[in-house]
Protein backbone atom coordinates (compact mmCIF):
# COMPACT_ATOMS: atom_id res chain seq x y z
CA MET A 1 21.62 -23.83 13.63
CA PRO A 2 19.54 -21.97 11.08
CA SER A 3 16.63 -23.36 8.94
CA ILE A 4 15.74 -22.73 5.48
CA LYS A 5 11.97 -21.50 4.53
CA GLN A 6 10.92 -22.48 1.15
CA ASP A 7 8.84 -19.63 -0.57
CA LEU A 8 9.58 -20.22 -3.90
CA VAL A 9 8.85 -17.58 -6.92
CA PRO A 10 5.46 -19.26 -9.02
CA SER A 11 7.28 -20.52 -12.10
CA SER A 12 4.95 -18.07 -14.27
CA VAL A 13 7.19 -15.26 -13.15
CA LYS A 14 9.77 -15.53 -15.85
CA ASN A 15 11.63 -12.13 -15.33
CA VAL A 16 12.66 -13.76 -11.83
CA ARG A 17 12.48 -17.08 -12.45
CA PRO A 18 13.10 -17.75 -16.41
CA GLY A 19 13.30 -21.77 -16.03
CA TYR A 20 16.96 -22.01 -17.26
CA PRO A 21 17.95 -25.46 -15.74
CA MET A 22 21.56 -25.12 -13.85
CA THR A 23 24.18 -27.40 -12.25
CA PRO A 24 25.67 -24.88 -9.69
CA LYS A 25 29.59 -24.29 -9.96
CA TRP A 26 29.49 -22.18 -7.45
CA ILE A 27 27.91 -19.12 -5.42
CA THR A 28 27.61 -15.43 -5.76
CA ILE A 29 27.10 -13.25 -2.58
CA HIS A 30 25.34 -9.63 -2.58
CA GLU A 31 23.81 -7.43 -0.14
CA THR A 32 20.69 -6.07 -0.89
CA ASP A 33 21.51 -2.66 -0.63
CA ASN A 34 18.35 -1.75 0.47
CA PHE A 35 18.98 0.48 3.87
CA ASN A 36 15.24 1.28 4.22
CA PRO A 37 13.68 -0.01 7.98
CA GLY A 38 11.53 -3.16 7.20
CA ALA A 39 13.80 -4.45 4.61
CA GLY A 40 14.16 -7.66 5.69
CA ALA A 41 14.57 -11.49 4.33
CA LYS A 42 10.40 -11.57 3.96
CA ASN A 43 9.99 -8.66 2.52
CA HIS A 44 12.71 -8.76 -0.18
CA ALA A 45 11.02 -12.46 -1.08
CA THR A 46 7.76 -11.50 -1.14
CA TRP A 47 9.33 -8.28 -3.51
CA LEU A 48 10.39 -11.26 -5.73
CA LYS A 49 7.12 -13.17 -5.53
CA ASN A 50 5.39 -10.74 -6.47
CA GLY A 51 7.36 -10.11 -9.78
CA ALA A 52 10.11 -7.38 -8.87
CA SER A 53 8.33 -4.71 -10.20
CA GLY A 54 8.59 -6.37 -13.43
CA LEU A 55 12.43 -6.18 -13.15
CA SER A 56 14.67 -9.26 -14.41
CA ARG A 57 16.22 -9.92 -10.96
CA GLY A 58 15.98 -12.41 -9.09
CA TRP A 59 18.42 -14.96 -6.86
CA HIS A 60 18.11 -18.06 -4.73
CA PHE A 61 18.09 -16.79 -1.26
CA THR A 62 17.69 -13.66 0.91
CA VAL A 63 19.63 -13.88 4.43
CA ASP A 64 18.67 -11.51 7.29
CA ASP A 65 19.41 -12.37 11.68
CA THR A 66 16.27 -14.24 11.53
CA TYR A 67 15.73 -15.83 8.34
CA ILE A 68 17.30 -17.76 5.27
CA ILE A 69 14.46 -17.55 2.38
CA GLN A 70 14.44 -19.89 -0.47
CA SER A 71 12.87 -17.77 -3.89
CA ILE A 72 14.32 -20.10 -6.65
CA PRO A 73 15.03 -23.67 -6.79
CA THR A 74 18.86 -24.27 -6.81
CA ASN A 75 18.75 -26.21 -10.20
CA GLU A 76 17.58 -22.89 -11.80
CA SER A 77 19.33 -20.18 -13.07
CA THR A 78 18.01 -16.46 -12.18
CA TRP A 79 19.27 -13.14 -12.46
CA HIS A 80 21.67 -11.73 -9.83
CA ALA A 81 25.17 -11.60 -11.79
CA GLY A 82 24.66 -8.49 -13.77
CA ASP A 83 26.19 -10.65 -16.75
CA GLY A 84 22.97 -11.06 -19.04
CA PRO A 85 21.05 -14.27 -19.88
CA ASN A 86 23.81 -16.41 -21.02
CA GLY A 87 26.58 -15.25 -18.30
CA THR A 88 28.22 -17.40 -16.65
CA GLY A 89 27.56 -15.82 -13.25
CA ASN A 90 23.47 -15.84 -13.80
CA ARG A 91 23.89 -19.53 -15.69
CA HIS A 92 25.74 -21.24 -13.22
CA SER A 93 26.01 -19.81 -9.75
CA ILE A 94 23.68 -19.93 -6.56
CA GLY A 95 22.79 -16.18 -5.90
CA ILE A 96 22.70 -15.04 -1.92
CA GLU A 97 21.86 -11.50 -0.81
CA ILE A 98 22.22 -10.41 2.59
CA CYS A 99 19.88 -7.68 3.91
CA VAL A 100 21.12 -4.72 5.29
CA ASN A 101 18.66 -2.83 6.76
CA PRO A 102 19.12 -1.14 10.22
CA ASP A 103 16.53 -2.67 12.01
CA SER A 104 18.36 -6.44 11.75
CA ASP A 105 21.53 -7.56 12.82
CA TYR A 106 23.81 -7.38 10.09
CA GLU A 107 26.74 -9.76 11.81
CA ALA A 108 24.00 -12.04 12.59
CA ALA A 109 22.74 -12.25 9.22
CA LYS A 110 26.31 -12.75 7.76
CA VAL A 111 26.84 -15.82 10.47
CA ASN A 112 23.49 -16.87 9.00
CA ALA A 113 24.95 -16.24 5.32
CA ALA A 114 28.03 -18.15 5.90
CA TRP A 115 26.10 -21.20 7.31
CA LEU A 116 24.36 -21.04 4.08
CA VAL A 117 27.12 -21.27 1.93
CA ARG A 118 29.03 -24.09 3.95
CA LYS A 119 25.88 -26.09 3.16
CA LEU A 120 25.31 -25.43 0.04
CA MET A 121 28.89 -26.23 -1.11
CA LYS A 122 28.39 -29.53 0.83
CA ASP A 123 25.10 -30.28 -0.87
CA HIS A 124 26.34 -29.20 -4.81
CA ASN A 125 30.24 -30.20 -3.90
CA ILE A 126 31.07 -27.15 -4.58
CA LEU A 127 35.02 -26.59 -3.36
CA LEU A 128 36.61 -23.54 -2.19
CA LYS A 129 38.85 -21.94 -4.53
CA GLY A 130 41.40 -19.28 -3.38
């Protein structure tokens, strides 16, 4: 069973962690689209923690074949859905990024992400909708 490592973005980094309260209603899953060697969960979490190069970007969890790293508390919204500061994706959805770097096992990363989704659905009473 994987474990979750918390490495939270400081609350002062408002472009990543705006501080808006959130009650999660669903989960949004993306891939990092970063195919550079070494672009695993640790590096993506560090990038967020260091301010995401000043961009308004963020997500709650980064997942690779080895790590699940939480960067934002699940009771806060962040900028991962591309629907603006008041969009329902950003304001009501837990964001997960799956790493796709070539020096990682993508299939194992997907297994870790599936484990995380099941856990979050149970923890937040999020139902599967078809």
